[in-house]
Amino acid sequence: MTSLVVVSAGLSNPSSTRLLADGLTSDTVEALGAGVEVTTIELRDLAHQITDHLLTGFPGVKLGEAIEVVRRADGIIAVTPVFSASYSGLFKNFFDVLEEGVLDGKPVLVAATAGTARHSLVIEHALRPLFSYLHAVVVPTGVFAATDDFGDDGLDRRSARAAGELAALMGKASAPAGSLGNRRTVEDEFAEPTPFDKLLRQASGR
């Protein structure tokens, strides 16, 4: 069964970050078809354990379970609110406590929410570099949603396109957990990028 893990860093309940995460999850599950196991990690529920881990080097039970879920994931959707023109501290701290290599070769869809479109470049100047550094394979389309974007057809189209790209990359991720196997690394993507039309064909099953 394909494992999809959704990491949401929204601080309120409910939050626009979780709303965007749920929409991306729905589109990705639809693109993948049957046999998808979805696990959603709400970082606000792990905030204290993440801080404790940073101070002690040891994860609490719930945080340890979340890290293991990420380790076994075939694909990840990572969504953060924007604070001070970048990802939230809680979001960054969660990925800081992952062991080196956990995200190697994993397909990741990055997304962010903010009050206005002025923060839309956060995808390119903050999120994409972070996950490239962690050796994840970031899908070509990042999804940014300002408050006014919710309910707009443009956001729906971006979400569906990004979900299709993630599903296409996850279709290649058949290697055992902890092994790169057939997964393409960041270096692979730079050396020989997957053509966008091929990603679309794979996502549509053609």
N, C-alpha and C. Protein backbone atom coordinates (compact mmCIF):
# COMPACT_ATOMS: atom_id res chain seq x y z
N MET A 1 0.84 -1.19 0.00
CA MET A 1 0.00 0.00 0.00
C MET A 1 0.88 1.25 0.00
N THR A 2 0.50 2.25 -0.78
CA THR A 2 1.25 3.49 -0.86
C THR A 2 1.00 4.34 0.37
N SER A 3 2.07 4.86 0.96
CA SER A 3 1.97 5.66 2.17
C SER A 3 2.18 7.13 1.86
N LEU A 4 1.16 7.94 2.14
CA LEU A 4 1.23 9.39 1.96
C LEU A 4 1.16 10.05 3.34
N VAL A 5 2.15 10.87 3.66
CA VAL A 5 2.19 11.55 4.95
C VAL A 5 2.01 13.04 4.73
N VAL A 6 1.12 13.65 5.50
CA VAL A 6 0.82 15.06 5.40
C VAL A 6 1.28 15.75 6.68
N VAL A 7 2.18 16.73 6.55
CA VAL A 7 2.68 17.48 7.70
C VAL A 7 2.08 18.88 7.64
N SER A 8 1.27 19.21 8.65
CA SER A 8 0.60 20.50 8.70
C SER A 8 1.08 21.28 9.92
N ALA A 9 1.55 22.51 9.69
CA ALA A 9 2.12 23.31 10.78
C ALA A 9 1.20 24.45 11.22
N GLY A 10 -0.09 24.34 10.93
CA GLY A 10 -1.02 25.37 11.38
C GLY A 10 -1.08 25.44 12.90
N LEU A 11 -1.23 26.65 13.42
CA LEU A 11 -1.23 26.82 14.87
C LEU A 11 -2.63 26.90 15.46
N SER A 12 -3.60 27.31 14.67
CA SER A 12 -4.96 27.41 15.17
C SER A 12 -5.74 26.15 14.80
N ASN A 13 -6.92 26.02 15.38
CA ASN A 13 -7.76 24.86 15.09
C ASN A 13 -9.22 25.31 15.02
N PRO A 14 -9.79 25.35 13.80
CA PRO A 14 -9.21 24.97 12.50
C PRO A 14 -8.25 26.02 11.97
N SER A 15 -7.51 25.69 10.93
CA SER A 15 -6.55 26.63 10.35
C SER A 15 -6.61 26.57 8.83
N SER A 16 -6.23 27.67 8.19
CA SER A 16 -6.18 27.68 6.73
C SER A 16 -5.08 26.74 6.22
N THR A 17 -4.05 26.57 7.03
CA THR A 17 -2.97 25.65 6.66
C THR A 17 -3.50 24.22 6.56
N ARG A 18 -4.29 23.80 7.55
CA ARG A 18 -4.87 22.47 7.50
C ARG A 18 -5.89 22.36 6.37
N LEU A 19 -6.62 23.42 6.10
CA LEU A 19 -7.58 23.41 5.00
C LEU A 19 -6.87 23.17 3.68
N LEU A 20 -5.75 23.86 3.46
CA LEU A 20 -4.98 23.66 2.24
C LEU A 20 -4.40 22.25 2.20
N ALA A 21 -3.90 21.78 3.33
CA ALA A 21 -3.34 20.43 3.39
C ALA A 21 -4.38 19.38 3.03
N ASP A 22 -5.59 19.55 3.54
CA ASP A 22 -6.65 18.59 3.24
C ASP A 22 -7.01 18.59 1.76
N GLY A 23 -7.04 19.77 1.15
CA GLY A 23 -7.33 19.85 -0.28
C GLY A 23 -6.26 19.18 -1.12
N LEU A 24 -5.00 19.40 -0.78
CA LEU A 24 -3.90 18.77 -1.49
C LEU A 24 -3.92 17.26 -1.30
N THR A 25 -4.27 16.83 -0.10
CA THR A 25 -4.36 15.39 0.19
C THR A 25 -5.43 14.74 -0.67
N SER A 26 -6.60 15.36 -0.73
CA SER A 26 -7.70 14.82 -1.53
C SER A 26 -7.31 14.70 -2.99
N ASP A 27 -6.66 15.73 -3.54
CA ASP A 27 -6.26 15.71 -4.94
C ASP A 27 -5.20 14.64 -5.19
N THR A 28 -4.28 14.48 -4.24
CA THR A 28 -3.21 13.49 -4.41
C THR A 28 -3.77 12.07 -4.34
N VAL A 29 -4.66 11.82 -3.40
CA VAL A 29 -5.27 10.49 -3.29
C VAL A 29 -6.03 10.17 -4.57
N GLU A 30 -6.73 11.15 -5.12
CA GLU A 30 -7.46 10.93 -6.37
C GLU A 30 -6.50 10.61 -7.51
N ALA A 31 -5.36 11.30 -7.54
CA ALA A 31 -4.39 11.06 -8.61
C ALA A 31 -3.71 9.70 -8.47
N LEU A 32 -3.51 9.26 -7.23
CA LEU A 32 -2.85 7.98 -6.99
C LEU A 32 -3.77 6.80 -7.24
N GLY A 33 -5.06 6.98 -7.00
CA GLY A 33 -6.00 5.87 -7.15
C GLY A 33 -6.13 5.07 -5.87
N ALA A 34 -6.49 3.81 -5.99
CA ALA A 34 -6.76 2.98 -4.82
C ALA A 34 -5.47 2.59 -4.10
N GLY A 35 -5.64 2.16 -2.85
CA GLY A 35 -4.51 1.62 -2.09
C GLY A 35 -3.59 2.67 -1.50
N VAL A 36 -4.15 3.76 -1.01
CA VAL A 36 -3.35 4.82 -0.41
C VAL A 36 -3.65 4.92 1.08
N GLU A 37 -2.60 4.87 1.90
CA GLU A 37 -2.74 5.06 3.34
C GLU A 37 -2.27 6.47 3.67
N VAL A 38 -3.16 7.29 4.22
CA VAL A 38 -2.85 8.69 4.53
C VAL A 38 -2.69 8.87 6.03
N THR A 39 -1.58 9.50 6.43
CA THR A 39 -1.36 9.85 7.83
C THR A 39 -1.09 11.34 7.90
N THR A 40 -1.88 12.04 8.72
CA THR A 40 -1.71 13.49 8.87
C THR A 40 -1.05 13.78 10.22
N ILE A 41 0.02 14.55 10.18
CA ILE A 41 0.75 14.95 11.38
C ILE A 41 0.48 16.42 11.64
N GLU A 42 -0.21 16.72 12.74
CA GLU A 42 -0.46 18.09 13.16
C GLU A 42 0.66 18.51 14.11
N LEU A 43 1.52 19.40 13.65
CA LEU A 43 2.70 19.75 14.45
C LEU A 43 2.34 20.50 15.72
N ARG A 44 1.20 21.20 15.74
CA ARG A 44 0.82 21.92 16.97
C ARG A 44 0.64 20.95 18.13
N ASP A 45 0.25 19.71 17.84
CA ASP A 45 0.07 18.72 18.89
C ASP A 45 1.41 18.16 19.38
N LEU A 46 2.47 18.39 18.62
CA LEU A 46 3.79 17.86 18.97
C LEU A 46 4.77 18.95 19.39
N ALA A 47 4.27 20.18 19.54
CA ALA A 47 5.16 21.33 19.77
C ALA A 47 6.06 21.14 20.99
N HIS A 48 5.50 20.70 22.11
CA HIS A 48 6.30 20.54 23.32
C HIS A 48 7.34 19.43 23.15
N GLN A 49 6.95 18.33 22.51
CA GLN A 49 7.90 17.23 22.33
C GLN A 49 9.01 17.60 21.34
N ILE A 50 8.68 18.41 20.34
CA ILE A 50 9.72 18.88 19.41
C ILE A 50 10.74 19.73 20.15
N THR A 51 10.26 20.64 21.01
CA THR A 51 11.18 21.47 21.80
C THR A 51 12.03 20.63 22.73
N ASP A 52 11.39 19.67 23.39
CA ASP A 52 12.14 18.78 24.30
C ASP A 52 13.23 18.02 23.54
N HIS A 53 12.89 17.57 22.33
CA HIS A 53 13.87 16.82 21.53
C HIS A 53 15.06 17.70 21.17
N LEU A 54 14.79 18.97 20.82
CA LEU A 54 15.87 19.88 20.48
C LEU A 54 16.80 20.10 21.68
N LEU A 55 16.23 20.08 22.88
CA LEU A 55 17.02 20.32 24.09
C LEU A 55 17.73 19.08 24.60
N THR A 56 17.12 17.91 24.42
CA THR A 56 17.66 16.69 25.03
C THR A 56 18.24 15.70 24.02
N GLY A 57 17.78 15.81 22.76
CA GLY A 57 18.23 14.86 21.75
C GLY A 57 17.43 13.58 21.72
N PHE A 58 16.34 13.51 22.50
CA PHE A 58 15.52 12.30 22.55
C PHE A 58 14.07 12.66 22.26
N PRO A 59 13.41 11.93 21.35
CA PRO A 59 12.02 12.23 21.03
C PRO A 59 11.07 11.59 22.04
N GLY A 60 9.95 12.27 22.31
CA GLY A 60 8.88 11.66 23.08
C GLY A 60 8.19 10.60 22.25
N VAL A 61 7.27 9.88 22.87
CA VAL A 61 6.61 8.76 22.18
C VAL A 61 5.88 9.21 20.93
N LYS A 62 5.05 10.23 21.04
CA LYS A 62 4.26 10.69 19.89
C LYS A 62 5.15 11.24 18.78
N LEU A 63 6.17 11.99 19.16
CA LEU A 63 7.09 12.53 18.16
C LEU A 63 7.87 11.41 17.49
N GLY A 64 8.29 10.42 18.28
CA GLY A 64 9.00 9.28 17.70
C GLY A 64 8.14 8.54 16.69
N GLU A 65 6.85 8.41 16.99
CA GLU A 65 5.94 7.75 16.05
C GLU A 65 5.80 8.57 14.77
N ALA A 66 5.73 9.90 14.92
CA ALA A 66 5.60 10.77 13.74
C ALA A 66 6.85 10.68 12.87
N ILE A 67 8.02 10.66 13.48
CA ILE A 67 9.27 10.56 12.73
C ILE A 67 9.33 9.24 11.97
N GLU A 68 8.89 8.17 12.60
CA GLU A 68 8.90 6.86 11.95
C GLU A 68 7.94 6.82 10.78
N VAL A 69 6.79 7.48 10.92
CA VAL A 69 5.83 7.54 9.81
C VAL A 69 6.45 8.26 8.62
N VAL A 70 7.15 9.36 8.89
CA VAL A 70 7.83 10.09 7.82
C VAL A 70 8.90 9.22 7.18
N ARG A 71 9.63 8.48 7.99
CA ARG A 71 10.69 7.61 7.48
C ARG A 71 10.13 6.58 6.48
N ARG A 72 8.93 6.06 6.75
CA ARG A 72 8.36 5.01 5.92
C ARG A 72 7.51 5.53 4.78
N ALA A 73 7.35 6.85 4.69
CA ALA A 73 6.45 7.44 3.70
C ALA A 73 6.97 7.26 2.28
N ASP A 74 6.06 7.06 1.34
CA ASP A 74 6.39 7.06 -0.08
C ASP A 74 6.34 8.46 -0.65
N GLY A 75 5.60 9.35 -0.01
CA GLY A 75 5.50 10.72 -0.45
C GLY A 75 5.01 11.60 0.70
N ILE A 76 5.35 12.88 0.64
CA ILE A 76 5.03 13.80 1.73
C ILE A 76 4.43 15.08 1.18
N ILE A 77 3.39 15.55 1.84
CA ILE A 77 2.85 16.89 1.61
C ILE A 77 3.20 17.72 2.84
N ALA A 78 3.92 18.81 2.65
CA ALA A 78 4.38 19.64 3.78
C ALA A 78 3.82 21.05 3.62
N VAL A 79 3.01 21.48 4.60
CA VAL A 79 2.32 22.76 4.50
C VAL A 79 2.60 23.60 5.74
N THR A 80 2.97 24.84 5.55
CA THR A 80 3.30 25.73 6.66
C THR A 80 2.62 27.09 6.49
N PRO A 81 2.26 27.75 7.59
CA PRO A 81 1.89 29.15 7.51
C PRO A 81 3.16 29.99 7.36
N VAL A 82 3.01 31.20 6.87
CA VAL A 82 4.16 32.09 6.69
C VAL A 82 4.25 33.06 7.86
N PHE A 83 5.43 33.10 8.48
CA PHE A 83 5.72 34.06 9.53
C PHE A 83 7.02 34.77 9.19
N SER A 84 7.01 36.10 9.23
CA SER A 84 8.22 36.88 8.94
C SER A 84 8.86 36.46 7.62
N ALA A 85 8.02 36.30 6.62
CA ALA A 85 8.46 36.02 5.24
C ALA A 85 9.10 34.66 5.05
N SER A 86 8.84 33.70 5.97
CA SER A 86 9.41 32.38 5.81
C SER A 86 8.50 31.35 6.48
N TYR A 87 8.95 30.08 6.47
CA TYR A 87 8.19 29.03 7.14
C TYR A 87 8.19 29.28 8.64
N SER A 88 7.25 28.66 9.33
CA SER A 88 7.16 28.85 10.78
C SER A 88 8.30 28.12 11.49
N GLY A 89 8.63 28.59 12.69
CA GLY A 89 9.67 27.95 13.48
C GLY A 89 9.31 26.52 13.82
N LEU A 90 8.06 26.26 14.12
CA LEU A 90 7.61 24.91 14.46
C LEU A 90 7.82 23.97 13.28
N PHE A 91 7.49 24.43 12.09
CA PHE A 91 7.68 23.64 10.87
C PHE A 91 9.15 23.29 10.69
N LYS A 92 10.02 24.31 10.79
CA LYS A 92 11.46 24.09 10.61
C LYS A 92 12.01 23.17 11.70
N ASN A 93 11.57 23.35 12.94
CA ASN A 93 12.09 22.54 14.03
C ASN A 93 11.75 21.06 13.86
N PHE A 94 10.57 20.76 13.31
CA PHE A 94 10.22 19.36 13.08
C PHE A 94 11.21 18.72 12.11
N PHE A 95 11.51 19.40 11.03
CA PHE A 95 12.44 18.81 10.06
C PHE A 95 13.87 18.87 10.57
N ASP A 96 14.15 19.75 11.53
CA ASP A 96 15.47 19.76 12.17
C ASP A 96 15.73 18.50 12.99
N VAL A 97 14.69 17.92 13.59
CA VAL A 97 14.91 16.78 14.48
C VAL A 97 14.90 15.44 13.73
N LEU A 98 14.63 15.46 12.43
CA LEU A 98 14.72 14.22 11.67
C LEU A 98 16.18 13.80 11.54
N GLU A 99 16.44 12.52 11.61
CA GLU A 99 17.79 12.03 11.42
C GLU A 99 18.24 12.27 9.98
N GLU A 100 19.54 12.44 9.80
CA GLU A 100 20.09 12.66 8.48
C GLU A 100 19.73 11.49 7.56
N GLY A 101 19.26 11.82 6.39
CA GLY A 101 18.94 10.81 5.39
C GLY A 101 17.50 10.37 5.36
N VAL A 102 16.69 10.78 6.32
CA VAL A 102 15.30 10.34 6.37
C VAL A 102 14.53 10.76 5.12
N LEU A 103 14.84 11.93 4.59
CA LEU A 103 14.10 12.42 3.42
C LEU A 103 14.82 12.16 2.10
N ASP A 104 15.94 11.45 2.13
CA ASP A 104 16.69 11.19 0.90
C ASP A 104 15.80 10.56 -0.17
N GLY A 105 15.66 11.25 -1.29
CA GLY A 105 14.93 10.70 -2.42
C GLY A 105 13.43 10.69 -2.29
N LYS A 106 12.89 11.21 -1.20
CA LYS A 106 11.43 11.17 -1.03
C LYS A 106 10.77 12.30 -1.81
N PRO A 107 9.71 12.00 -2.55
CA PRO A 107 8.96 13.06 -3.22
C PRO A 107 8.21 13.92 -2.19
N VAL A 108 8.32 15.23 -2.33
CA VAL A 108 7.68 16.16 -1.40
C VAL A 108 6.95 17.25 -2.17
N LEU A 109 5.70 17.48 -1.80
CA LEU A 109 4.93 18.60 -2.31
C LEU A 109 4.95 19.68 -1.23
N VAL A 110 5.45 20.88 -1.57
CA VAL A 110 5.53 21.96 -0.58
C VAL A 110 4.42 22.97 -0.82
N ALA A 111 3.88 23.50 0.28
CA ALA A 111 2.79 24.46 0.19
C ALA A 111 2.83 25.40 1.38
N ALA A 112 2.21 26.57 1.22
CA ALA A 112 2.22 27.57 2.29
C ALA A 112 0.97 28.42 2.24
N THR A 113 0.61 28.97 3.39
CA THR A 113 -0.54 29.87 3.48
C THR A 113 -0.10 31.18 4.13
N ALA A 114 -0.78 32.26 3.75
CA ALA A 114 -0.50 33.57 4.35
C ALA A 114 -1.71 34.46 4.12
N GLY A 115 -1.71 35.61 4.77
CA GLY A 115 -2.84 36.52 4.66
C GLY A 115 -2.94 37.19 3.30
N THR A 116 -1.79 37.46 2.68
CA THR A 116 -1.80 38.16 1.39
C THR A 116 -0.84 37.48 0.43
N ALA A 117 -1.00 37.81 -0.85
CA ALA A 117 -0.16 37.23 -1.91
C ALA A 117 1.26 37.77 -1.87
N ARG A 118 1.54 38.77 -1.06
CA ARG A 118 2.90 39.33 -0.99
C ARG A 118 3.92 38.30 -0.52
N HIS A 119 3.45 37.24 0.12
CA HIS A 119 4.37 36.21 0.64
C HIS A 119 4.52 35.02 -0.30
N SER A 120 4.00 35.12 -1.51
CA SER A 120 3.94 33.94 -2.38
C SER A 120 5.32 33.39 -2.74
N LEU A 121 6.36 34.21 -2.73
CA LEU A 121 7.69 33.74 -3.10
C LEU A 121 8.33 32.87 -2.03
N VAL A 122 7.64 32.68 -0.89
CA VAL A 122 8.18 31.83 0.17
C VAL A 122 8.44 30.40 -0.34
N ILE A 123 7.66 29.97 -1.30
CA ILE A 123 7.85 28.63 -1.86
C ILE A 123 9.24 28.50 -2.45
N GLU A 124 9.67 29.50 -3.20
CA GLU A 124 10.93 29.42 -3.93
C GLU A 124 12.13 29.82 -3.08
N HIS A 125 11.97 30.81 -2.21
CA HIS A 125 13.16 31.29 -1.49
C HIS A 125 13.36 30.61 -0.14
N ALA A 126 12.36 29.85 0.34
CA ALA A 126 12.52 29.21 1.64
C ALA A 126 12.23 27.71 1.61
N LEU A 127 11.05 27.33 1.15
CA LEU A 127 10.67 25.92 1.23
C LEU A 127 11.46 25.02 0.27
N ARG A 128 11.57 25.43 -0.97
CA ARG A 128 12.26 24.58 -1.93
C ARG A 128 13.75 24.40 -1.55
N PRO A 129 14.46 25.45 -1.15
CA PRO A 129 15.85 25.24 -0.71
C PRO A 129 15.98 24.34 0.51
N LEU A 130 15.03 24.44 1.45
CA LEU A 130 15.09 23.60 2.65
C LEU A 130 15.03 22.13 2.28
N PHE A 131 14.06 21.75 1.46
CA PHE A 131 13.90 20.34 1.14
C PHE A 131 14.94 19.84 0.14
N SER A 132 15.46 20.73 -0.68
CA SER A 132 16.57 20.34 -1.55
C SER A 132 17.79 20.02 -0.69
N TYR A 133 18.03 20.82 0.34
CA TYR A 133 19.14 20.57 1.25
C TYR A 133 18.98 19.22 1.95
N LEU A 134 17.74 18.85 2.25
CA LEU A 134 17.47 17.58 2.92
C LEU A 134 17.43 16.40 1.94
N HIS A 135 17.76 16.67 0.67
CA HIS A 135 17.85 15.64 -0.38
C HIS A 135 16.51 15.03 -0.73
N ALA A 136 15.43 15.76 -0.48
CA ALA A 136 14.12 15.33 -0.96
C ALA A 136 13.99 15.74 -2.43
N VAL A 137 13.03 15.13 -3.13
CA VAL A 137 12.73 15.50 -4.51
C VAL A 137 11.46 16.34 -4.49
N VAL A 138 11.61 17.64 -4.66
CA VAL A 138 10.47 18.56 -4.56
C VAL A 138 9.75 18.64 -5.89
N VAL A 139 8.43 18.49 -5.88
CA VAL A 139 7.68 18.54 -7.14
C VAL A 139 7.78 19.93 -7.75
N PRO A 140 7.69 20.03 -9.07
CA PRO A 140 7.87 21.33 -9.74
C PRO A 140 6.90 22.41 -9.28
N THR A 141 5.67 22.04 -8.99
CA THR A 141 4.65 23.03 -8.63
C THR A 141 4.49 23.12 -7.12
N GLY A 142 4.88 24.26 -6.55
CA GLY A 142 4.57 24.54 -5.15
C GLY A 142 3.24 25.26 -5.09
N VAL A 143 2.53 25.12 -3.99
CA VAL A 143 1.19 25.72 -3.88
C VAL A 143 1.17 26.75 -2.75
N PHE A 144 0.89 27.98 -3.12
CA PHE A 144 0.73 29.06 -2.14
C PHE A 144 -0.72 29.51 -2.15
N ALA A 145 -1.28 29.73 -0.96
CA ALA A 145 -2.67 30.18 -0.86
C ALA A 145 -2.78 31.35 0.10
N ALA A 146 -3.13 32.51 -0.43
CA ALA A 146 -3.50 33.64 0.42
C ALA A 146 -4.95 33.47 0.83
N THR A 147 -5.37 34.26 1.78
CA THR A 147 -6.74 34.14 2.29
C THR A 147 -7.77 34.21 1.17
N ASP A 148 -7.56 35.14 0.22
CA ASP A 148 -8.53 35.34 -0.86
C ASP A 148 -8.52 34.21 -1.89
N ASP A 149 -7.53 33.34 -1.84
CA ASP A 149 -7.43 32.28 -2.84
C ASP A 149 -8.38 31.11 -2.57
N PHE A 150 -8.78 30.94 -1.33
CA PHE A 150 -9.64 29.79 -1.01
C PHE A 150 -11.00 29.94 -1.69
N GLY A 151 -11.39 28.88 -2.37
CA GLY A 151 -12.63 28.91 -3.14
C GLY A 151 -12.43 29.39 -4.56
N ASP A 152 -11.18 29.74 -4.93
CA ASP A 152 -10.90 30.23 -6.27
C ASP A 152 -10.47 29.07 -7.18
N ASP A 153 -10.89 29.11 -8.42
CA ASP A 153 -10.55 28.04 -9.37
C ASP A 153 -9.05 27.93 -9.60
N GLY A 154 -8.35 29.07 -9.50
CA GLY A 154 -6.91 29.05 -9.70
C GLY A 154 -6.20 28.19 -8.68
N LEU A 155 -6.62 28.28 -7.42
CA LEU A 155 -6.02 27.44 -6.38
C LEU A 155 -6.34 25.98 -6.63
N ASP A 156 -7.56 25.69 -7.05
CA ASP A 156 -7.94 24.31 -7.34
C ASP A 156 -7.08 23.73 -8.46
N ARG A 157 -6.80 24.54 -9.49
CA ARG A 157 -5.98 24.05 -10.60
C ARG A 157 -4.54 23.81 -10.16
N ARG A 158 -3.98 24.73 -9.37
CA ARG A 158 -2.61 24.56 -8.88
C ARG A 158 -2.51 23.33 -7.99
N SER A 159 -3.51 23.14 -7.15
CA SER A 159 -3.51 21.98 -6.25
C SER A 159 -3.56 20.68 -7.04
N ALA A 160 -4.42 20.61 -8.03
CA ALA A 160 -4.54 19.39 -8.83
C ALA A 160 -3.26 19.11 -9.61
N ARG A 161 -2.65 20.16 -10.14
CA ARG A 161 -1.40 19.97 -10.90
C ARG A 161 -0.28 19.48 -9.99
N ALA A 162 -0.13 20.10 -8.82
CA ALA A 162 0.92 19.68 -7.88
C ALA A 162 0.67 18.25 -7.39
N ALA A 163 -0.58 17.93 -7.13
CA ALA A 163 -0.93 16.57 -6.69
C ALA A 163 -0.59 15.54 -7.76
N GLY A 164 -0.85 15.87 -9.01
CA GLY A 164 -0.51 14.96 -10.10
C GLY A 164 0.99 14.74 -10.20
N GLU A 165 1.76 15.80 -10.00
CA GLU A 165 3.22 15.67 -10.03
C GLU A 165 3.72 14.80 -8.89
N LEU A 166 3.15 14.99 -7.71
CA LEU A 166 3.55 14.17 -6.56
C LEU A 166 3.19 12.71 -6.79
N ALA A 167 1.99 12.47 -7.31
CA ALA A 167 1.57 11.10 -7.58
C ALA A 167 2.49 10.43 -8.60
N ALA A 168 2.92 11.20 -9.61
CA ALA A 168 3.81 10.65 -10.63
C ALA A 168 5.14 10.23 -10.02
N LEU A 169 5.69 11.07 -9.15
CA LEU A 169 6.95 10.74 -8.50
C LEU A 169 6.79 9.58 -7.52
N MET A 170 5.67 9.54 -6.83
CA MET A 170 5.43 8.43 -5.89
C MET A 170 5.28 7.11 -6.62
N GLY A 171 4.85 7.16 -7.88
CA GLY A 171 4.72 5.95 -8.67
C GLY A 171 6.05 5.28 -8.92
N LYS A 172 7.15 6.04 -8.79
CA LYS A 172 8.50 5.49 -8.97
C LYS A 172 9.07 5.01 -7.65
N ALA A 173 8.42 5.33 -6.54
CA ALA A 173 9.00 5.07 -5.22
C ALA A 173 8.59 3.70 -4.72
N SER A 174 9.13 2.66 -5.34
CA SER A 174 8.77 1.31 -4.97
C SER A 174 9.86 0.59 -4.20
N ALA A 175 10.95 1.29 -3.88
CA ALA A 175 12.05 0.67 -3.15
C ALA A 175 11.69 0.50 -1.69
N PRO A 176 12.31 -0.45 -0.98
CA PRO A 176 12.06 -0.62 0.44
C PRO A 176 12.40 0.62 1.22
N ALA A 177 11.74 0.80 2.38
CA ALA A 177 11.99 1.96 3.21
C ALA A 177 13.46 2.03 3.58
N GLY A 178 14.02 3.25 3.55
CA GLY A 178 15.40 3.44 3.91
C GLY A 178 16.37 3.25 2.76
N SER A 179 15.84 2.90 1.59
CA SER A 179 16.70 2.69 0.42
C SER A 179 16.27 3.62 -0.68
N LEU A 180 17.26 4.16 -1.42
CA LEU A 180 16.91 5.04 -2.52
C LEU A 180 16.26 4.27 -3.65
N GLY A 181 16.75 3.06 -3.91
CA GLY A 181 16.15 2.23 -4.94
C GLY A 181 15.93 3.02 -6.22
N ASN A 182 14.67 3.01 -6.69
CA ASN A 182 14.34 3.70 -7.94
C ASN A 182 14.00 5.16 -7.74
N ARG A 183 14.06 5.67 -6.52
CA ARG A 183 13.73 7.05 -6.28
C ARG A 183 14.78 7.97 -6.89
N ARG A 184 14.34 9.04 -7.47
CA ARG A 184 15.26 10.02 -8.03
C ARG A 184 15.66 11.00 -6.95
N THR A 185 16.94 11.25 -6.83
CA THR A 185 17.45 12.19 -5.85
C THR A 185 17.43 13.60 -6.44
N VAL A 186 17.75 14.58 -5.61
CA VAL A 186 17.84 15.96 -6.09
C VAL A 186 18.90 16.05 -7.19
N GLU A 187 20.02 15.34 -6.99
CA GLU A 187 21.09 15.37 -7.99
C GLU A 187 20.59 14.80 -9.32
N ASP A 188 19.78 13.73 -9.26
CA ASP A 188 19.21 13.16 -10.49
C ASP A 188 18.35 14.18 -11.22
N GLU A 189 17.53 14.90 -10.46
CA GLU A 189 16.61 15.85 -11.08
C GLU A 189 17.37 16.99 -11.74
N PHE A 190 18.47 17.44 -11.10
CA PHE A 190 19.27 18.50 -11.71
C PHE A 190 20.00 17.99 -12.95
N ALA A 191 20.50 16.77 -12.88
CA ALA A 191 21.26 16.21 -14.00
C ALA A 191 20.37 15.90 -15.19
N GLU A 192 19.18 15.38 -14.91
CA GLU A 192 18.27 14.97 -15.98
C GLU A 192 16.83 15.19 -15.52
N PRO A 193 16.35 16.44 -15.59
CA PRO A 193 15.00 16.73 -15.09
C PRO A 193 13.92 15.94 -15.83
N THR A 194 12.90 15.53 -15.10
CA THR A 194 11.77 14.86 -15.72
C THR A 194 10.93 15.89 -16.47
N PRO A 195 10.71 15.71 -17.76
CA PRO A 195 9.92 16.69 -18.52
C PRO A 195 8.52 16.83 -17.92
N PHE A 196 8.03 18.05 -17.91
CA PHE A 196 6.73 18.31 -17.28
C PHE A 196 5.61 17.56 -17.99
N ASP A 197 5.68 17.46 -19.32
CA ASP A 197 4.61 16.75 -20.04
C ASP A 197 4.61 15.27 -19.66
N LYS A 198 5.79 14.72 -19.35
CA LYS A 198 5.85 13.31 -18.92
C LYS A 198 5.19 13.15 -17.55
N LEU A 199 5.45 14.10 -16.64
CA LEU A 199 4.81 14.06 -15.33
C LEU A 199 3.30 14.07 -15.47
N LEU A 200 2.80 14.92 -16.35
CA LEU A 200 1.36 15.00 -16.55
C LEU A 200 0.79 13.71 -17.12
N ARG A 201 1.50 13.10 -18.08
CA ARG A 201 1.03 11.84 -18.65
C ARG A 201 1.00 10.73 -17.60
N GLN A 202 2.04 10.68 -16.76
CA GLN A 202 2.09 9.67 -15.72
C GLN A 202 0.97 9.89 -14.70
N ALA A 203 0.72 11.13 -14.37
CA ALA A 203 -0.32 11.43 -13.38
C ALA A 203 -1.70 11.07 -13.89
N SER A 204 -1.92 11.19 -15.21
CA SER A 204 -3.22 10.89 -15.78
C SER A 204 -3.35 9.42 -16.20
N GLY A 205 -2.26 8.65 -16.01
CA GLY A 205 -2.29 7.24 -16.34
C GLY A 205 -2.14 6.93 -17.81
N ARG A 206 -1.68 7.91 -18.61
CA ARG A 206 -1.53 7.68 -20.06
C ARG A 206 -0.12 7.20 -20.36
